[in-house]
N, C-alpha and C. Protein backbone atom coordinates (compact mmCIF):
# COMPACT_ATOMS: atom_id res chain seq x y z
N MET A 1 -24.29 -15.86 -68.59
CA MET A 1 -24.85 -14.91 -67.66
C MET A 1 -25.04 -15.60 -66.30
N THR A 2 -24.59 -14.95 -65.26
CA THR A 2 -24.73 -15.47 -63.92
C THR A 2 -26.11 -15.14 -63.37
N THR A 3 -26.70 -16.10 -62.70
CA THR A 3 -27.97 -15.87 -62.01
C THR A 3 -27.82 -16.30 -60.57
N LEU A 4 -28.65 -15.75 -59.72
CA LEU A 4 -28.65 -16.15 -58.32
C LEU A 4 -29.35 -17.49 -58.19
N THR A 5 -28.86 -18.30 -57.27
CA THR A 5 -29.54 -19.57 -56.98
C THR A 5 -30.84 -19.25 -56.25
N ALA A 6 -31.69 -20.24 -56.14
CA ALA A 6 -32.95 -20.06 -55.42
C ALA A 6 -32.69 -19.63 -53.97
N ASN A 7 -31.72 -20.26 -53.34
CA ASN A 7 -31.39 -19.91 -51.95
C ASN A 7 -30.84 -18.49 -51.85
N GLU A 8 -30.01 -18.10 -52.82
CA GLU A 8 -29.46 -16.73 -52.81
C GLU A 8 -30.56 -15.70 -53.04
N LEU A 9 -31.47 -15.99 -53.96
CA LEU A 9 -32.57 -15.08 -54.22
C LEU A 9 -33.46 -14.94 -52.98
N ARG A 10 -33.73 -16.04 -52.33
CA ARG A 10 -34.52 -16.02 -51.09
C ARG A 10 -33.80 -15.19 -50.02
N ALA A 11 -32.51 -15.39 -49.89
CA ALA A 11 -31.72 -14.62 -48.91
C ALA A 11 -31.75 -13.13 -49.23
N LEU A 12 -31.67 -12.80 -50.50
CA LEU A 12 -31.74 -11.40 -50.93
C LEU A 12 -33.09 -10.79 -50.57
N LEU A 13 -34.16 -11.48 -50.89
CA LEU A 13 -35.49 -10.97 -50.63
C LEU A 13 -35.78 -10.83 -49.14
N LYS A 14 -35.27 -11.78 -48.35
CA LYS A 14 -35.52 -11.76 -46.91
C LYS A 14 -34.47 -10.95 -46.15
N GLN A 15 -33.43 -10.48 -46.87
CA GLN A 15 -32.33 -9.75 -46.23
C GLN A 15 -31.77 -10.57 -45.06
N SER A 16 -31.53 -11.84 -45.32
CA SER A 16 -31.09 -12.79 -44.30
C SER A 16 -29.63 -12.56 -43.91
N ALA A 17 -29.18 -13.34 -42.94
CA ALA A 17 -27.79 -13.25 -42.48
C ALA A 17 -26.82 -13.53 -43.62
N ALA A 18 -27.14 -14.49 -44.49
CA ALA A 18 -26.26 -14.79 -45.62
C ALA A 18 -26.11 -13.57 -46.54
N PHE A 19 -27.22 -12.88 -46.79
CA PHE A 19 -27.17 -11.68 -47.62
C PHE A 19 -26.36 -10.59 -46.92
N LYS A 20 -26.58 -10.41 -45.63
CA LYS A 20 -25.84 -9.40 -44.88
C LYS A 20 -24.34 -9.70 -44.86
N ASN A 21 -23.99 -10.98 -44.78
CA ASN A 21 -22.58 -11.37 -44.85
C ASN A 21 -21.99 -10.99 -46.21
N ALA A 22 -22.70 -11.31 -47.28
CA ALA A 22 -22.22 -10.98 -48.62
C ALA A 22 -22.09 -9.47 -48.78
N GLN A 23 -23.06 -8.74 -48.29
CA GLN A 23 -23.00 -7.28 -48.37
C GLN A 23 -21.83 -6.73 -47.56
N ALA A 24 -21.55 -7.31 -46.41
CA ALA A 24 -20.42 -6.86 -45.59
C ALA A 24 -19.11 -7.08 -46.34
N ILE A 25 -19.01 -8.17 -47.08
CA ILE A 25 -17.81 -8.43 -47.89
C ILE A 25 -17.69 -7.36 -48.98
N LEU A 26 -18.77 -7.12 -49.68
CA LEU A 26 -18.75 -6.16 -50.79
C LEU A 26 -18.53 -4.73 -50.32
N ALA A 27 -19.01 -4.41 -49.14
CA ALA A 27 -18.83 -3.06 -48.59
C ALA A 27 -17.54 -2.93 -47.80
N ASP A 28 -16.78 -4.02 -47.75
CA ASP A 28 -15.53 -4.08 -46.97
C ASP A 28 -15.77 -3.68 -45.52
N GLU A 29 -16.83 -4.26 -44.94
CA GLU A 29 -17.22 -3.96 -43.57
C GLU A 29 -17.14 -5.16 -42.64
N TRP A 30 -16.55 -6.26 -43.09
CA TRP A 30 -16.48 -7.45 -42.24
C TRP A 30 -15.72 -7.14 -40.96
N GLY A 31 -14.61 -6.47 -41.08
CA GLY A 31 -13.81 -6.12 -39.90
C GLY A 31 -14.54 -5.18 -38.97
N ALA A 32 -15.29 -4.24 -39.52
CA ALA A 32 -16.06 -3.30 -38.69
C ALA A 32 -17.13 -4.04 -37.91
N ARG A 33 -17.73 -5.05 -38.51
CA ARG A 33 -18.74 -5.85 -37.80
C ARG A 33 -18.10 -6.57 -36.64
N ALA A 34 -16.89 -7.05 -36.81
CA ALA A 34 -16.19 -7.76 -35.74
C ALA A 34 -15.85 -6.81 -34.60
N GLU A 35 -15.48 -5.58 -34.93
CA GLU A 35 -15.15 -4.60 -33.89
C GLU A 35 -16.39 -4.16 -33.12
N GLU A 36 -17.52 -4.04 -33.80
CA GLU A 36 -18.76 -3.63 -33.14
C GLU A 36 -19.24 -4.68 -32.14
N ASN A 37 -19.04 -5.93 -32.48
CA ASN A 37 -19.51 -7.02 -31.64
C ASN A 37 -18.36 -8.00 -31.42
N PRO A 38 -17.70 -7.92 -30.26
CA PRO A 38 -16.56 -8.80 -30.01
C PRO A 38 -16.91 -10.29 -30.07
N LEU A 39 -18.19 -10.62 -29.95
CA LEU A 39 -18.60 -12.01 -30.05
C LEU A 39 -18.66 -12.48 -31.50
N PHE A 40 -18.69 -11.52 -32.42
CA PHE A 40 -18.73 -11.85 -33.84
C PHE A 40 -17.30 -12.03 -34.35
N ARG A 41 -16.83 -13.23 -34.31
CA ARG A 41 -15.48 -13.53 -34.79
C ARG A 41 -15.50 -14.61 -35.86
N ALA A 42 -16.66 -14.81 -36.46
CA ALA A 42 -16.78 -15.86 -37.46
C ALA A 42 -15.93 -15.53 -38.67
N PRO A 43 -15.23 -16.51 -39.19
CA PRO A 43 -14.47 -16.26 -40.41
C PRO A 43 -15.41 -16.16 -41.60
N ILE A 44 -14.93 -15.54 -42.64
CA ILE A 44 -15.66 -15.49 -43.90
C ILE A 44 -15.67 -16.91 -44.46
N SER A 45 -16.78 -17.30 -45.06
CA SER A 45 -16.86 -18.63 -45.66
C SER A 45 -16.85 -18.53 -47.18
N VAL A 46 -16.57 -19.64 -47.82
CA VAL A 46 -16.61 -19.68 -49.28
C VAL A 46 -18.02 -19.36 -49.76
N ALA A 47 -19.03 -19.82 -49.03
CA ALA A 47 -20.41 -19.52 -49.40
C ALA A 47 -20.66 -18.01 -49.38
N ASP A 48 -20.11 -17.32 -48.38
CA ASP A 48 -20.24 -15.86 -48.30
C ASP A 48 -19.58 -15.21 -49.52
N LEU A 49 -18.38 -15.68 -49.84
CA LEU A 49 -17.64 -15.12 -50.98
C LEU A 49 -18.36 -15.39 -52.30
N GLN A 50 -18.88 -16.59 -52.47
CA GLN A 50 -19.60 -16.95 -53.70
C GLN A 50 -20.85 -16.10 -53.85
N PHE A 51 -21.59 -15.93 -52.75
CA PHE A 51 -22.80 -15.10 -52.79
C PHE A 51 -22.44 -13.67 -53.16
N ALA A 52 -21.39 -13.14 -52.56
CA ALA A 52 -20.95 -11.78 -52.88
C ALA A 52 -20.58 -11.67 -54.36
N LYS A 53 -19.85 -12.63 -54.85
CA LYS A 53 -19.45 -12.63 -56.26
C LYS A 53 -20.69 -12.70 -57.17
N ASN A 54 -21.66 -13.53 -56.81
CA ASN A 54 -22.87 -13.65 -57.61
C ASN A 54 -23.70 -12.37 -57.57
N LEU A 55 -23.73 -11.69 -56.42
CA LEU A 55 -24.45 -10.42 -56.33
C LEU A 55 -23.84 -9.40 -57.29
N GLN A 56 -22.53 -9.41 -57.39
CA GLN A 56 -21.85 -8.50 -58.33
C GLN A 56 -22.14 -8.90 -59.77
N ALA A 57 -22.00 -10.19 -60.05
CA ALA A 57 -22.14 -10.67 -61.43
C ALA A 57 -23.55 -10.45 -61.98
N THR A 58 -24.54 -10.47 -61.11
CA THR A 58 -25.92 -10.26 -61.56
C THR A 58 -26.31 -8.79 -61.58
N GLY A 59 -25.43 -7.92 -61.08
CA GLY A 59 -25.71 -6.50 -61.08
C GLY A 59 -26.48 -6.02 -59.86
N VAL A 60 -26.74 -6.90 -58.91
CA VAL A 60 -27.44 -6.50 -57.69
C VAL A 60 -26.58 -5.53 -56.90
N SER A 61 -25.27 -5.76 -56.91
CA SER A 61 -24.34 -4.87 -56.21
C SER A 61 -23.23 -4.48 -57.17
N GLN A 62 -22.90 -3.22 -57.18
CA GLN A 62 -21.85 -2.71 -58.06
C GLN A 62 -20.55 -2.45 -57.31
N ARG A 63 -20.54 -2.66 -56.03
CA ARG A 63 -19.36 -2.32 -55.22
C ARG A 63 -18.60 -3.58 -54.82
N GLY A 64 -17.47 -3.36 -54.20
CA GLY A 64 -16.69 -4.47 -53.67
C GLY A 64 -15.50 -4.83 -54.52
N VAL A 65 -14.80 -5.84 -54.04
CA VAL A 65 -13.59 -6.32 -54.71
C VAL A 65 -13.95 -6.88 -56.09
N ASP A 66 -13.11 -6.64 -57.06
CA ASP A 66 -13.28 -7.23 -58.38
C ASP A 66 -12.66 -8.63 -58.33
N PHE A 67 -13.51 -9.63 -58.24
CA PHE A 67 -13.05 -11.01 -58.09
C PHE A 67 -12.31 -11.53 -59.32
N GLU A 68 -12.35 -10.79 -60.41
CA GLU A 68 -11.67 -11.20 -61.65
C GLU A 68 -10.30 -10.55 -61.80
N ASP A 69 -9.95 -9.63 -60.92
CA ASP A 69 -8.69 -8.89 -61.02
C ASP A 69 -7.71 -9.41 -59.97
N TYR A 70 -6.61 -9.98 -60.43
CA TYR A 70 -5.64 -10.60 -59.52
C TYR A 70 -5.14 -9.63 -58.47
N ALA A 71 -4.73 -8.44 -58.88
CA ALA A 71 -4.18 -7.47 -57.92
C ALA A 71 -5.23 -7.05 -56.91
N ALA A 72 -6.46 -6.85 -57.36
CA ALA A 72 -7.55 -6.45 -56.45
C ALA A 72 -7.82 -7.55 -55.43
N VAL A 73 -7.82 -8.78 -55.88
CA VAL A 73 -8.06 -9.92 -54.96
C VAL A 73 -6.91 -10.01 -53.95
N GLN A 74 -5.68 -9.86 -54.41
CA GLN A 74 -4.53 -9.94 -53.50
C GLN A 74 -4.57 -8.82 -52.46
N ASP A 75 -4.93 -7.62 -52.89
CA ASP A 75 -5.05 -6.50 -51.94
C ASP A 75 -6.15 -6.76 -50.93
N TRP A 76 -7.28 -7.31 -51.41
CA TRP A 76 -8.40 -7.60 -50.51
C TRP A 76 -8.02 -8.69 -49.52
N ILE A 77 -7.30 -9.70 -49.98
CA ILE A 77 -6.83 -10.77 -49.09
C ILE A 77 -5.93 -10.18 -48.01
N ALA A 78 -5.00 -9.33 -48.40
CA ALA A 78 -4.08 -8.72 -47.43
C ALA A 78 -4.84 -7.94 -46.37
N ALA A 79 -5.87 -7.23 -46.78
CA ALA A 79 -6.63 -6.41 -45.84
C ALA A 79 -7.56 -7.22 -44.94
N ASN A 80 -7.93 -8.43 -45.38
CA ASN A 80 -8.91 -9.23 -44.65
C ASN A 80 -8.38 -10.59 -44.21
N ARG A 81 -7.08 -10.76 -44.24
CA ARG A 81 -6.45 -12.05 -43.96
C ARG A 81 -6.91 -12.67 -42.64
N GLN A 82 -7.10 -11.86 -41.62
CA GLN A 82 -7.46 -12.39 -40.31
C GLN A 82 -8.84 -13.05 -40.30
N PHE A 83 -9.68 -12.76 -41.28
CA PHE A 83 -11.03 -13.31 -41.34
C PHE A 83 -11.16 -14.47 -42.32
N LEU A 84 -10.06 -14.82 -42.99
CA LEU A 84 -10.08 -15.83 -44.03
C LEU A 84 -9.48 -17.15 -43.56
N THR A 85 -10.07 -18.24 -44.03
CA THR A 85 -9.52 -19.57 -43.76
C THR A 85 -8.67 -19.99 -44.97
N GLU A 86 -7.97 -21.07 -44.83
CA GLU A 86 -7.17 -21.58 -45.96
C GLU A 86 -8.07 -21.96 -47.12
N THR A 87 -9.25 -22.47 -46.84
CA THR A 87 -10.20 -22.82 -47.89
C THR A 87 -10.64 -21.58 -48.65
N ASP A 88 -10.89 -20.48 -47.92
CA ASP A 88 -11.25 -19.21 -48.56
C ASP A 88 -10.13 -18.75 -49.50
N LEU A 89 -8.90 -18.81 -49.00
CA LEU A 89 -7.76 -18.37 -49.81
C LEU A 89 -7.64 -19.18 -51.08
N ALA A 90 -7.80 -20.49 -50.96
CA ALA A 90 -7.73 -21.36 -52.14
C ALA A 90 -8.82 -20.99 -53.14
N TRP A 91 -10.04 -20.74 -52.65
CA TRP A 91 -11.15 -20.39 -53.53
C TRP A 91 -10.89 -19.06 -54.23
N LEU A 92 -10.40 -18.07 -53.49
CA LEU A 92 -10.12 -16.76 -54.08
C LEU A 92 -9.01 -16.81 -55.12
N GLN A 93 -8.02 -17.65 -54.90
CA GLN A 93 -6.86 -17.69 -55.79
C GLN A 93 -6.99 -18.70 -56.92
N ARG A 94 -7.98 -19.59 -56.83
CA ARG A 94 -8.15 -20.64 -57.84
C ARG A 94 -8.27 -20.10 -59.26
N PRO A 95 -9.01 -19.04 -59.53
CA PRO A 95 -9.11 -18.57 -60.92
C PRO A 95 -7.79 -18.10 -61.53
N PHE A 96 -6.80 -17.84 -60.70
CA PHE A 96 -5.54 -17.30 -61.19
C PHE A 96 -4.42 -18.34 -61.25
N ASP A 97 -4.74 -19.58 -60.91
CA ASP A 97 -3.73 -20.65 -60.95
C ASP A 97 -3.48 -21.11 -62.37
């Protein structure tokens, strides 16, 4: 059973930037955030992806990409490629190697 780390739980309770980043990933709103604020061009980080995955695994969030489904991950990568680094891509694809 997956549990949130202490830092993730704190971020969830405080609705911090890390939590908002994870929620944006799960709601597929990262690109919309970038369009709303042209200064917001930060790439998605592995920490953001891991937090999003943990939110799903613990049942906190029921939406978003299914990180266990190869086709779903590939479709999500294609739609969000401009916000991903090579490290992100490696992390997303590692379970399927």
